[in-house]
């Protein structure tokens, strides 16, 4: 993670929240990469080595994705990462349009990192 130039994050959204695996990833790396919270628990000013790096995010679920997206954006905000493409939020079945949107998300993040 420290050596990466950017990040493409994704998760199913069950019960209105990101997956346990993605949450564990953040929990186990947050302080090591410079995540910052102010005394109230809100995102603080990150001075970590990953500060300013681009990220993209996809989320998939059957119902409401709002809580999952909000939770991830809160954490990456405290890491100082910069959202570099619209969140790909997919409700229900994944079809050709969603696959094309996922390709566009990945290609955009890759293009940003290749310059």
Protein backbone atom coordinates (compact mmCIF):
# COMPACT_ATOMS: atom_id res chain seq x y z
CA UNK A 1 0.00 0.00 0.00
CA UNK A 2 2.81 2.41 0.80
CA UNK A 3 4.43 1.79 -2.58
CA UNK A 4 1.23 2.23 -4.60
CA UNK A 5 0.75 5.43 -6.60
CA UNK A 6 -3.04 5.26 -6.31
CA UNK A 7 -5.88 3.01 -5.28
CA UNK A 8 -8.97 1.39 -6.76
CA UNK A 9 -11.28 0.39 -3.93
CA UNK A 10 -14.39 -1.73 -4.13
CA UNK A 11 -16.85 -3.51 -1.93
CA UNK A 12 -20.22 -5.13 -1.78
CA UNK A 13 -22.62 -3.21 0.43
CA UNK A 14 -24.58 -5.40 2.80
CA UNK A 15 -26.68 -3.99 5.62
CA UNK A 16 -25.77 -0.47 4.50
CA UNK A 17 -22.02 -0.72 5.07
CA UNK A 18 -18.78 -1.70 3.32
CA UNK A 19 -17.55 -5.29 3.53
CA UNK A 20 -15.71 -6.51 6.59
CA UNK A 21 -12.66 -7.17 4.43
CA UNK A 22 -12.41 -3.55 3.26
CA UNK A 23 -13.07 -2.31 6.79
CA UNK A 24 -10.30 -4.58 8.11
CA UNK A 25 -7.96 -3.24 5.43
CA UNK A 26 -8.57 0.31 6.62
CA UNK A 27 -8.45 -0.63 10.32
CA UNK A 28 -5.11 -2.38 9.97
CA UNK A 29 -3.37 0.26 7.84
CA UNK A 30 -4.94 3.61 8.77
CA UNK A 31 -2.37 4.89 11.28
CA UNK A 32 0.60 3.31 9.50
CA UNK A 33 -0.06 5.37 6.36
CA UNK A 34 -0.77 8.63 8.13
CA UNK A 35 -4.51 8.68 8.64
CA UNK A 36 -5.52 11.64 10.80
CA UNK A 37 -8.54 12.29 12.99
CA UNK A 38 -9.16 15.39 15.06
CA UNK A 39 -10.26 15.07 18.71
CA UNK A 40 -13.92 14.84 17.67
CA UNK A 41 -13.20 11.88 15.38
CA UNK A 42 -13.62 13.89 12.18
CA UNK A 43 -11.06 13.73 9.38
CA UNK A 44 -8.02 15.78 10.25
CA UNK A 45 -5.12 16.98 8.11
CA UNK A 46 -3.18 13.91 6.97
CA UNK A 47 0.58 14.21 6.76
CA UNK A 48 1.10 10.56 5.81
CA UNK A 49 3.14 9.33 2.88
CA UNK A 50 -0.03 8.42 0.94
CA UNK A 51 -1.58 11.88 1.33
CA UNK A 52 -2.80 13.29 -1.98
CA UNK A 53 -2.80 10.00 -3.88
CA UNK A 54 -5.72 9.38 -6.26
CA UNK A 55 -8.39 6.77 -5.67
CA UNK A 56 -11.46 5.39 -7.36
CA UNK A 57 -14.34 3.55 -5.71
CA UNK A 58 -16.96 1.04 -6.79
CA UNK A 59 -19.75 -0.28 -4.57
CA UNK A 60 -22.38 -2.90 -5.34
CA UNK A 61 -25.50 -3.91 -3.44
CA UNK A 62 -29.16 -4.70 -3.70
CA UNK A 63 -30.62 -1.82 -1.71
CA UNK A 64 -29.12 1.37 -0.29
CA UNK A 65 -25.43 2.08 -0.95
CA UNK A 66 -25.37 5.44 0.82
CA UNK A 67 -23.90 4.27 4.14
CA UNK A 68 -21.17 2.20 2.50
CA UNK A 69 -20.09 5.00 0.18
CA UNK A 70 -20.17 7.57 2.98
CA UNK A 71 -18.06 5.36 5.27
CA UNK A 72 -15.35 4.77 2.66
CA UNK A 73 -15.23 8.44 1.68
CA UNK A 74 -14.90 9.43 5.32
CA UNK A 75 -11.93 7.12 5.82
CA UNK A 76 -10.12 8.07 2.61
CA UNK A 77 -10.71 11.72 3.46
CA UNK A 78 -8.86 11.20 6.73
CA UNK A 79 -6.06 9.54 4.73
CA UNK A 80 -5.87 12.60 2.49
CA UNK A 81 -6.54 10.63 -0.69
CA UNK A 82 -8.14 12.48 -3.62
CA UNK A 83 -11.22 11.13 -5.36
CA UNK A 84 -10.26 10.99 -9.02
CA UNK A 85 -13.40 9.66 -10.66
CA UNK A 86 -17.11 9.45 -9.86
CA UNK A 87 -18.09 6.66 -7.48
CA UNK A 88 -19.46 3.69 -9.39
CA UNK A 89 -22.52 2.75 -7.34
CA UNK A 90 -24.35 -0.27 -8.74
CA UNK A 91 -27.71 -1.39 -7.37
CA UNK A 92 -29.01 -4.80 -8.39
CA UNK A 93 -27.86 -6.88 -11.31
CA UNK A 94 -24.60 -6.14 -13.10
CA UNK A 95 -25.05 -5.85 -16.84
CA UNK A 96 -23.12 -4.54 -19.83
CA UNK A 97 -23.61 -0.88 -18.89
CA UNK A 98 -22.23 -1.45 -15.40
CA UNK A 99 -19.32 -3.45 -16.78
CA UNK A 100 -18.50 -0.60 -19.18
CA UNK A 101 -18.66 1.89 -16.31
CA UNK A 102 -16.31 -0.29 -14.25
CA UNK A 103 -13.88 -0.46 -17.16
CA UNK A 104 -14.01 3.34 -17.47
CA UNK A 105 -13.34 3.75 -13.74
CA UNK A 106 -10.32 1.44 -13.81
CA UNK A 107 -8.98 2.91 -17.05
CA UNK A 108 -9.25 6.46 -15.70
CA UNK A 109 -7.32 5.65 -12.52
CA UNK A 110 -4.71 3.76 -14.56
CA UNK A 111 -4.34 6.69 -16.97
CA UNK A 112 -3.86 9.12 -14.08
CA UNK A 113 -1.07 6.94 -12.72
CA UNK A 114 0.72 6.50 -16.04
CA UNK A 115 1.42 10.18 -16.62
